[in-house]
Amino acid sequence: MWLWFSKLGSPRWFYELSSKWLPWLYALMFVMLGVGLVWALLFVPADYQQGQTIRIMYVHVPVASISLACFPLMAIAGTITLVWKMKLADMVAKSVAPIGAWFTGLALASGAIWGDQIWGTWWAWDARLTSLLIQFFLFVGVIALRSAIESPDAAAKACAVLAIVGAINVPIIKYSVEWWNTLHQPASSISFDAVAPNPPEIWVPLVIMILAVYVFFAISLILRTRNEILQRERRAQWVMDLVARDQQK
């Protein structure tokens, strides 16, 4: 296991292995996105309270789920950077931050559109909304902090610490609807019972969309990490050989 862990920390090994993953991930993403979007837009019945507005859920819930996953991933990568000094972990941490900021921004925007239809307002200083907005600023702060520090090693350490501390906000976002009285509804249960609040014809396409967006996130993270590897390892012989082969094609 430790041998595999050390191999995974090799930028070259990750770069070469990820090139084999990408075609399969692209295919999986397009299939799931196609099925999920067609099902959600054309076949999901209108909600008895929300009407056609329920379809916003198939965008908002997946992107909100990813936005919550990004910060813990960045904190884990930061911890590995601090403890084991693994270069690839810092590359992943750096790559996650802008992706997490985009997904958090999309979650806030789609939530605002949904809230305007359901609550009658685009924004409320609700515990869930406010804590998610704080997460967005934390992502921006990590990006700005890395840009502000000239030393790559010092920037990696500072961003790792901020990511670890900022991850405390994730359980606050997750459980805010249970800890406080908020406008935002709690998560609905998934059930196979047709008379449950969310019957299969509602939650099955939602699960497909969540998985599709997670695969999209994985592709985005791999591509950004590969670019970061080429940037940092540009003087390595294997990168120069790779560029030479590409130029000959």
C-alpha atoms as a PDB file:
ATOM      1  CA  MET A   1       0.000   0.000   0.000  1.00  0.00           C
ATOM      2  CA  TRP A   2       2.783   2.416   0.919  1.00  0.00           C
ATOM      3  CA  LEU A   3       4.533   1.588  -2.376  1.00  0.00           C
ATOM      4  CA  TRP A   4       1.368   2.444  -4.266  1.00  0.00           C
ATOM      5  CA  PHE A   5       0.990   5.631  -2.203  1.00  0.00           C
ATOM      6  CA  SER A   6       4.547   6.700  -3.033  1.00  0.00           C
ATOM      7  CA  LYS A   7       3.999   5.920  -6.733  1.00  0.00           C
ATOM      8  CA  LEU A   8       0.814   7.983  -6.745  1.00  0.00           C
ATOM      9  CA  GLY A   9       2.845  10.893  -5.430  1.00  0.00           C
ATOM     10  CA  SER A  10       5.013  10.839  -8.557  1.00  0.00           C
ATOM     11  CA  PRO A  11       3.895  13.582 -10.981  1.00  0.00           C
ATOM     12  CA  ARG A  12       5.146  11.584 -13.959  1.00  0.00           C
ATOM     13  CA  TRP A  13       3.324   8.424 -12.910  1.00  0.00           C
ATOM     14  CA  PHE A  14       0.089  10.347 -12.335  1.00  0.00           C
ATOM     15  CA  TYR A  15       0.418  12.150 -15.677  1.00  0.00           C
ATOM     16  CA  GLU A  16       0.906   8.918 -17.608  1.00  0.00           C
ATOM     17  CA  LEU A  17      -1.805   7.023 -15.732  1.00  0.00           C
ATOM     18  CA  SER A  18      -4.373   9.828 -15.994  1.00  0.00           C
ATOM     19  CA  SER A  19      -3.984   9.883 -19.782  1.00  0.00           C
ATOM     20  CA  LYS A  20      -5.439   6.365 -19.752  1.00  0.00           C
ATOM     21  CA  TRP A  21      -8.304   7.356 -17.455  1.00  0.00           C
ATOM     22  CA  LEU A  22      -9.503  10.393 -19.374  1.00  0.00           C
ATOM     23  CA  PRO A  23     -11.147   8.720 -22.414  1.00  0.00           C
ATOM     24  CA  TRP A  24     -13.197   6.450 -20.146  1.00  0.00           C
ATOM     25  CA  LEU A  25     -14.171   9.332 -17.889  1.00  0.00           C
ATOM     26  CA  TYR A  26     -15.252  11.446 -20.874  1.00  0.00           C
ATOM     27  CA  ALA A  27     -17.426   8.623 -22.183  1.00  0.00           C
ATOM     28  CA  LEU A  28     -18.963   7.990 -18.762  1.00  0.00           C
ATOM     29  CA  MET A  29     -19.665  11.689 -18.225  1.00  0.00           C
ATOM     30  CA  PHE A  30     -21.385  12.211 -21.592  1.00  0.00           C
ATOM     31  CA  VAL A  31     -23.560   9.110 -21.167  1.00  0.00           C
ATOM     32  CA  MET A  32     -24.674  10.039 -17.654  1.00  0.00           C
ATOM     33  CA  LEU A  33     -25.180  13.708 -18.504  1.00  0.00           C
ATOM     34  CA  GLY A  34     -27.254  12.779 -21.544  1.00  0.00           C
ATOM     35  CA  VAL A  35     -29.433  10.346 -19.617  1.00  0.00           C
ATOM     36  CA  GLY A  36     -29.732  12.578 -16.563  1.00  0.00           C
ATOM     37  CA  LEU A  37     -30.578  15.781 -18.435  1.00  0.00           C
ATOM     38  CA  VAL A  38     -33.117  14.177 -20.790  1.00  0.00           C
ATOM     39  CA  TRP A  39     -34.802  12.373 -17.892  1.00  0.00           C
ATOM     40  CA  ALA A  40     -34.839  15.465 -15.673  1.00  0.00           C
ATOM     41  CA  LEU A  41     -36.056  17.897 -18.323  1.00  0.00           C
ATOM     42  CA  LEU A  42     -38.534  15.745 -20.223  1.00  0.00           C
ATOM     43  CA  PHE A  43     -39.782  12.934 -18.014  1.00  0.00           C
ATOM     44  CA  VAL A  44     -39.737  14.118 -14.392  1.00  0.00           C
ATOM     45  CA  PRO A  45     -43.291  15.116 -13.421  1.00  0.00           C
ATOM     46  CA  ALA A  46     -43.969  18.628 -12.202  1.00  0.00           C
ATOM     47  CA  ASP A  47     -44.045  19.012  -8.425  1.00  0.00           C
ATOM     48  CA  TYR A  48     -47.442  19.621  -6.843  1.00  0.00           C
ATOM     49  CA  GLN A  49     -46.056  22.668  -4.990  1.00  0.00           C
ATOM     50  CA  GLN A  50     -43.088  23.897  -7.034  1.00  0.00           C
ATOM     51  CA  GLY A  51     -44.355  22.995 -10.490  1.00  0.00           C
ATOM     52  CA  GLN A  52     -41.687  23.031 -13.203  1.00  0.00           C
ATOM     53  CA  THR A  53     -39.297  24.838 -10.842  1.00  0.00           C
ATOM     54  CA  ILE A  54     -38.377  21.416  -9.415  1.00  0.00           C
ATOM     55  CA  ARG A  55     -36.088  20.928 -12.431  1.00  0.00           C
ATOM     56  CA  ILE A  56     -33.628  23.473 -10.999  1.00  0.00           C
ATOM     57  CA  MET A  57     -32.866  20.819  -8.374  1.00  0.00           C
ATOM     58  CA  TYR A  58     -31.093  18.690 -11.001  1.00  0.00           C
ATOM     59  CA  VAL A  59     -28.478  21.398 -11.415  1.00  0.00           C
ATOM     60  CA  HIS A  60     -28.386  22.941  -7.953  1.00  0.00           C
ATOM     61  CA  VAL A  61     -28.038  19.781  -5.866  1.00  0.00           C
ATOM     62  CA  PRO A  62     -25.145  18.267  -7.905  1.00  0.00           C
ATOM     63  CA  VAL A  63     -23.092  21.475  -7.998  1.00  0.00           C
ATOM     64  CA  ALA A  64     -23.774  22.156  -4.310  1.00  0.00           C
ATOM     65  CA  SER A  65     -22.657  18.617  -3.477  1.00  0.00           C
ATOM     66  CA  ILE A  66     -19.395  19.084  -5.384  1.00  0.00           C
ATOM     67  CA  SER A  67     -18.797  22.472  -3.766  1.00  0.00           C
ATOM     68  CA  LEU A  68     -18.933  20.794  -0.340  1.00  0.00           C
ATOM     69  CA  ALA A  69     -16.555  18.022  -1.451  1.00  0.00           C
ATOM     70  CA  CYS A  70     -13.896  20.387  -2.808  1.00  0.00           C
ATOM     71  CA  PHE A  71     -12.796  21.941   0.476  1.00  0.00           C
ATOM     72  CA  PRO A  72     -12.233  18.646   2.339  1.00  0.00           C
ATOM     73  CA  LEU A  73     -10.289  17.369  -0.681  1.00  0.00           C
ATOM     74  CA  MET A  74      -8.164  20.508  -0.630  1.00  0.00           C
ATOM     75  CA  ALA A  75      -7.639  20.122   3.125  1.00  0.00           C
ATOM     76  CA  ILE A  76      -6.577  16.481   2.721  1.00  0.00           C
ATOM     77  CA  ALA A  77      -4.168  17.416  -0.056  1.00  0.00           C
ATOM     78  CA  GLY A  78      -2.841  20.234   2.127  1.00  0.00           C
ATOM     79  CA  THR A  79      -2.309  17.856   5.039  1.00  0.00           C
ATOM     80  CA  ILE A  80      -0.355  15.470   2.799  1.00  0.00           C
ATOM     81  CA  THR A  81       1.708  18.420   1.591  1.00  0.00           C
ATOM     82  CA  LEU A  82       2.557  19.474   5.132  1.00  0.00           C
ATOM     83  CA  VAL A  83       3.267  15.995   6.491  1.00  0.00           C
ATOM     84  CA  TRP A  84       4.847  14.121   3.583  1.00  0.00           C
ATOM     85  CA  LYS A  85       6.016  17.056   1.404  1.00  0.00           C
ATOM     86  CA  MET A  86       4.409  15.413  -1.617  1.00  0.00           C
ATOM     87  CA  LYS A  87       4.607  17.682  -4.662  1.00  0.00           C
ATOM     88  CA  LEU A  88       1.622  16.134  -6.393  1.00  0.00           C
ATOM     89  CA  ALA A  89      -0.593  16.785  -3.358  1.00  0.00           C
ATOM     90  CA  ASP A  90       0.147  20.506  -3.536  1.00  0.00           C
ATOM     91  CA  MET A  91      -0.542  20.472  -7.271  1.00  0.00           C
ATOM     92  CA  VAL A  92      -3.932  18.902  -6.569  1.00  0.00           C
ATOM     93  CA  ALA A  93      -4.649  21.410  -3.796  1.00  0.00           C
ATOM     94  CA  LYS A  94      -3.809  24.294  -6.112  1.00  0.00           C
ATOM     95  CA  SER A  95      -5.971  22.836  -8.891  1.00  0.00           C
ATOM     96  CA  VAL A  96      -8.991  22.226  -6.637  1.00  0.00           C
ATOM     97  CA  ALA A  97      -9.308  25.830  -5.418  1.00  0.00           C
ATOM     98  CA  PRO A  98     -10.556  27.511  -8.640  1.00  0.00           C
ATOM     99  CA  ILE A  99     -12.780  24.534  -9.454  1.00  0.00           C
ATOM    100  CA  GLY A 100     -14.297  24.709  -5.971  1.00  0.00           C
ATOM    101  CA  ALA A 101     -14.839  28.455  -6.322  1.00  0.00           C
ATOM    102  CA  TRP A 102     -16.676  27.959  -9.631  1.00  0.00           C
ATOM    103  CA  PHE A 103     -18.897  25.194  -8.255  1.00  0.00           C
ATOM    104  CA  THR A 104     -19.682  27.194  -5.118  1.00  0.00           C
ATOM    105  CA  GLY A 105     -20.551  30.200  -7.281  1.00  0.00           C
ATOM    106  CA  LEU A 106     -22.835  28.028  -9.423  1.00  0.00           C
ATOM    107  CA  ALA A 107     -24.469  26.621  -6.286  1.00  0.00           C
ATOM    108  CA  LEU A 108     -25.136  30.143  -4.998  1.00  0.00           C
ATOM    109  CA  ALA A 109     -26.478  31.316  -8.377  1.00  0.00           C
ATOM    110  CA  SER A 110     -28.742  28.312  -8.981  1.00  0.00           C
ATOM    111  CA  GLY A 111     -29.909  28.474  -5.370  1.00  0.00           C
ATOM    112  CA  ALA A 112     -30.773  32.145  -5.812  1.00  0.00           C
ATOM    113  CA  ILE A 113     -32.863  31.361  -8.902  1.00  0.00           C
ATOM    114  CA  TRP A 114     -34.627  28.560  -7.059  1.00  0.00           C
ATOM    115  CA  GLY A 115     -35.095  30.724  -3.952  1.00  0.00           C
ATOM    116  CA  ASP A 116     -36.666  33.523  -5.969  1.00  0.00           C
ATOM    117  CA  GLN A 117     -39.324  31.107  -7.183  1.00  0.00           C
ATOM    118  CA  ILE A 118     -39.920  29.357  -3.841  1.00  0.00           C
ATOM    119  CA  TRP A 119     -39.198  31.997  -1.197  1.00  0.00           C
ATOM    120  CA  GLY A 120     -39.968  35.085  -3.246  1.00  0.00           C
ATOM    121  CA  THR A 121     -36.462  36.507  -2.796  1.00  0.00           C
ATOM    122  CA  TRP A 122     -33.095  36.008  -4.461  1.00  0.00           C
ATOM    123  CA  TRP A 123     -31.162  36.152  -1.207  1.00  0.00           C
ATOM    124  CA  ALA A 124     -31.714  35.822   2.513  1.00  0.00           C
ATOM    125  CA  TRP A 125     -29.131  35.796   5.277  1.00  0.00           C
ATOM    126  CA  ASP A 126     -30.063  32.221   5.935  1.00  0.00           C
ATOM    127  CA  ALA A 127     -27.545  30.026   7.798  1.00  0.00           C
ATOM    128  CA  ARG A 128     -27.056  27.659   4.818  1.00  0.00           C
ATOM    129  CA  LEU A 129     -26.708  30.477   2.277  1.00  0.00           C
ATOM    130  CA  THR A 130     -24.444  32.575   4.460  1.00  0.00           C
ATOM    131  CA  SER A 131     -22.097  29.708   5.322  1.00  0.00           C
ATOM    132  CA  LEU A 132     -21.905  28.730   1.641  1.00  0.00           C
ATOM    133  CA  LEU A 133     -21.054  32.333   0.765  1.00  0.00           C
ATOM    134  CA  ILE A 134     -18.271  32.210   3.380  1.00  0.00           C
ATOM    135  CA  GLN A 135     -16.952  29.079   1.675  1.00  0.00           C
ATOM    136  CA  PHE A 136     -16.850  30.924  -1.652  1.00  0.00           C
ATOM    137  CA  PHE A 137     -14.767  33.688  -0.080  1.00  0.00           C
ATOM    138  CA  LEU A 138     -12.494  31.072   1.504  1.00  0.00           C
ATOM    139  CA  PHE A 139     -11.834  29.583  -1.924  1.00  0.00           C
ATOM    140  CA  VAL A 140     -11.071  33.046  -3.291  1.00  0.00           C
ATOM    141  CA  GLY A 141      -8.832  33.658  -0.276  1.00  0.00           C
ATOM    142  CA  VAL A 142      -6.831  30.488  -0.943  1.00  0.00           C
ATOM    143  CA  ILE A 143      -6.357  31.490  -4.591  1.00  0.00           C
ATOM    144  CA  ALA A 144      -5.338  35.040  -3.638  1.00  0.00           C
ATOM    145  CA  LEU A 145      -2.976  33.832  -0.897  1.00  0.00           C
ATOM    146  CA  ARG A 146      -1.117  31.543  -3.290  1.00  0.00           C
ATOM    147  CA  SER A 147      -0.752  34.375  -5.797  1.00  0.00           C
ATOM    148  CA  ALA A 148       0.440  36.815  -3.146  1.00  0.00           C
ATOM    149  CA  ILE A 149       3.330  34.682  -1.833  1.00  0.00           C
ATOM    150  CA  GLU A 150       6.334  34.464  -4.143  1.00  0.00           C
ATOM    151  CA  SER A 151       7.977  31.398  -2.599  1.00  0.00           C
ATOM    152  CA  PRO A 152       6.214  28.233  -3.893  1.00  0.00           C
ATOM    153  CA  ASP A 153       7.030  26.303  -0.711  1.00  0.00           C
ATOM    154  CA  ALA A 154       5.781  29.060   1.581  1.00  0.00           C
ATOM    155  CA  ALA A 155       2.647  29.471  -0.549  1.00  0.00           C
ATOM    156  CA  ALA A 156       1.967  25.736  -0.395  1.00  0.00           C
ATOM    157  CA  LYS A 157       2.267  25.686   3.407  1.00  0.00           C
ATOM    158  CA  ALA A 158       0.142  28.799   3.923  1.00  0.00           C
ATOM    159  CA  CYS A 159      -2.602  27.564   1.597  1.00  0.00           C
ATOM    160  CA  ALA A 160      -2.548  24.137   3.228  1.00  0.00           C
ATOM    161  CA  VAL A 161      -3.096  25.674   6.669  1.00  0.00           C
ATOM    162  CA  LEU A 162      -5.911  27.902   5.383  1.00  0.00           C
ATOM    163  CA  ALA A 163      -7.556  24.923   3.657  1.00  0.00           C
ATOM    164  CA  ILE A 164      -7.400  22.811   6.825  1.00  0.00           C
ATOM    165  CA  VAL A 165      -8.832  25.610   8.972  1.00  0.00           C
ATOM    166  CA  GLY A 166     -11.437  26.515   6.355  1.00  0.00           C
ATOM    167  CA  ALA A 167     -12.683  22.932   6.172  1.00  0.00           C
ATOM    168  CA  ILE A 168     -14.345  23.548   9.561  1.00  0.00           C
ATOM    169  CA  ASN A 169     -16.990  25.485   7.631  1.00  0.00           C
ATOM    170  CA  VAL A 170     -18.093  22.391   5.664  1.00  0.00           C
ATOM    171  CA  PRO A 171     -19.973  20.645   8.516  1.00  0.00           C
ATOM    172  CA  ILE A 172     -21.513  24.017   9.381  1.00  0.00           C
ATOM    173  CA  ILE A 173     -22.904  24.231   5.830  1.00  0.00           C
ATOM    174  CA  LYS A 174     -24.031  20.610   5.929  1.00  0.00           C
ATOM    175  CA  TYR A 175     -25.837  20.707   9.277  1.00  0.00           C
ATOM    176  CA  SER A 176     -26.908  24.356   9.391  1.00  0.00           C
ATOM    177  CA  VAL A 177     -30.498  23.452   8.452  1.00  0.00           C
ATOM    178  CA  GLU A 178     -30.634  21.105  11.461  1.00  0.00           C
ATOM    179  CA  TRP A 179     -28.828  23.321  13.975  1.00  0.00           C
ATOM    180  CA  TRP A 180     -30.774  26.523  13.230  1.00  0.00           C
ATOM    181  CA  ASN A 181     -34.216  27.513  12.043  1.00  0.00           C
ATOM    182  CA  THR A 182     -33.564  28.347   8.392  1.00  0.00           C
ATOM    183  CA  LEU A 183     -35.466  29.021   5.185  1.00  0.00           C
ATOM    184  CA  HIS A 184     -33.486  26.331   3.425  1.00  0.00           C
ATOM    185  CA  GLN A 185     -35.225  22.968   3.580  1.00  0.00           C
ATOM    186  CA  PRO A 186     -33.371  19.915   4.960  1.00  0.00           C
ATOM    187  CA  ALA A 187     -32.261  17.144   2.631  1.00  0.00           C
ATOM    188  CA  SER A 188     -35.140  14.958   1.503  1.00  0.00           C
ATOM    189  CA  SER A 189     -34.921  11.232   2.045  1.00  0.00           C
ATOM    190  CA  ILE A 190     -34.566   8.818  -0.859  1.00  0.00           C
ATOM    191  CA  SER A 191     -37.090   6.003  -0.849  1.00  0.00           C
ATOM    192  CA  PHE A 192     -38.260   3.219  -3.118  1.00  0.00           C
ATOM    193  CA  ASP A 193     -41.784   3.822  -1.887  1.00  0.00           C
ATOM    194  CA  ALA A 194     -43.834   5.477  -4.630  1.00  0.00           C
ATOM    195  CA  VAL A 195     -45.828   7.518  -2.094  1.00  0.00           C
ATOM    196  CA  ALA A 196     -42.690   8.908  -0.384  1.00  0.00           C
ATOM    197  CA  PRO A 197     -41.816  12.598  -0.803  1.00  0.00           C
ATOM    198  CA  ASN A 198     -39.188  11.667  -3.386  1.00  0.00           C
ATOM    199  CA  PRO A 199     -40.260   8.604  -5.399  1.00  0.00           C
ATOM    200  CA  PRO A 200     -37.791   6.884  -7.780  1.00  0.00           C
ATOM    201  CA  GLU A 201     -38.896   8.892 -10.832  1.00  0.00           C
ATOM    202  CA  ILE A 202     -37.678  11.984  -8.954  1.00  0.00           C
ATOM    203  CA  TRP A 203     -34.471  10.831  -7.248  1.00  0.00           C
ATOM    204  CA  VAL A 204     -33.059   8.375  -9.808  1.00  0.00           C
ATOM    205  CA  PRO A 205     -32.275  11.106 -12.388  1.00  0.00           C
ATOM    206  CA  LEU A 206     -30.950  13.244  -9.533  1.00  0.00           C
ATOM    207  CA  VAL A 207     -28.496  10.504  -8.540  1.00  0.00           C
ATOM    208  CA  ILE A 208     -27.443  10.154 -12.185  1.00  0.00           C
ATOM    209  CA  MET A 209     -26.850  13.911 -12.432  1.00  0.00           C
ATOM    210  CA  ILE A 210     -24.851  13.945  -9.194  1.00  0.00           C
ATOM    211  CA  LEU A 211     -22.619  11.133 -10.466  1.00  0.00           C
ATOM    212  CA  ALA A 212     -22.247  12.876 -13.836  1.00  0.00           C
ATOM    213  CA  VAL A 213     -21.157  16.120 -12.200  1.00  0.00           C
ATOM    214  CA  TYR A 214     -18.712  14.250  -9.976  1.00  0.00           C
ATOM    215  CA  VAL A 215     -17.154  12.689 -13.076  1.00  0.00           C
ATOM    216  CA  PHE A 216     -17.004  16.149 -14.675  1.00  0.00           C
ATOM    217  CA  PHE A 217     -15.259  17.405 -11.559  1.00  0.00           C
ATOM    218  CA  ALA A 218     -12.770  14.519 -11.730  1.00  0.00           C
ATOM    219  CA  ILE A 219     -12.012  15.334 -15.374  1.00  0.00           C
ATOM    220  CA  SER A 220     -11.564  19.037 -14.602  1.00  0.00           C
ATOM    221  CA  LEU A 221      -9.281  18.274 -11.671  1.00  0.00           C
ATOM    222  CA  ILE A 222      -7.172  15.832 -13.687  1.00  0.00           C
ATOM    223  CA  LEU A 223      -6.761  18.289 -16.561  1.00  0.00           C
ATOM    224  CA  ARG A 224      -5.788  21.177 -14.274  1.00  0.00           C
ATOM    225  CA  THR A 225      -3.391  18.950 -12.336  1.00  0.00           C
ATOM    226  CA  ARG A 226      -1.788  17.710 -15.566  1.00  0.00           C
ATOM    227  CA  ASN A 227      -1.253  21.320 -16.657  1.00  0.00           C
ATOM    228  CA  GLU A 228       0.269  22.133 -13.274  1.00  0.00           C
ATOM    229  CA  ILE A 229       2.586  19.117 -13.567  1.00  0.00           C
ATOM    230  CA  LEU A 230       3.831  20.254 -16.972  1.00  0.00           C
ATOM    231  CA  GLN A 231       4.374  23.776 -15.647  1.00  0.00           C
ATOM    232  CA  ARG A 232       6.359  22.722 -12.573  1.00  0.00           C
ATOM    233  CA  GLU A 233       8.225  19.837 -14.205  1.00  0.00           C
ATOM    234  CA  ARG A 234       8.980  21.645 -17.465  1.00  0.00           C
ATOM    235  CA  ARG A 235      12.738  21.224 -16.954  1.00  0.00           C
ATOM    236  CA  ALA A 236      12.459  17.484 -16.263  1.00  0.00           C
ATOM    237  CA  GLN A 237      13.753  15.241 -19.025  1.00  0.00           C
ATOM    238  CA  TRP A 238      10.520  13.279 -19.359  1.00  0.00           C
ATOM    239  CA  VAL A 239       8.536  16.491 -19.971  1.00  0.00           C
ATOM    240  CA  MET A 240      11.019  17.686 -22.588  1.00  0.00           C
ATOM    241  CA  ASP A 241      10.784  14.284 -24.276  1.00  0.00           C
ATOM    242  CA  LEU A 242       6.991  14.514 -24.195  1.00  0.00           C
ATOM    243  CA  VAL A 243       7.032  17.970 -25.801  1.00  0.00           C
ATOM    244  CA  ALA A 244       9.493  16.784 -28.441  1.00  0.00           C
ATOM    245  CA  ARG A 245       7.220  13.844 -29.347  1.00  0.00           C
ATOM    246  CA  ASP A 246       4.215  16.143 -29.615  1.00  0.00           C
ATOM    247  CA  GLN A 247       6.101  18.515 -31.906  1.00  0.00           C
ATOM    248  CA  GLN A 248       7.058  15.646 -34.211  1.00  0.00           C
ATOM    249  CA  LYS A 249       3.426  14.621 -34.697  1.00  0.00           C
END
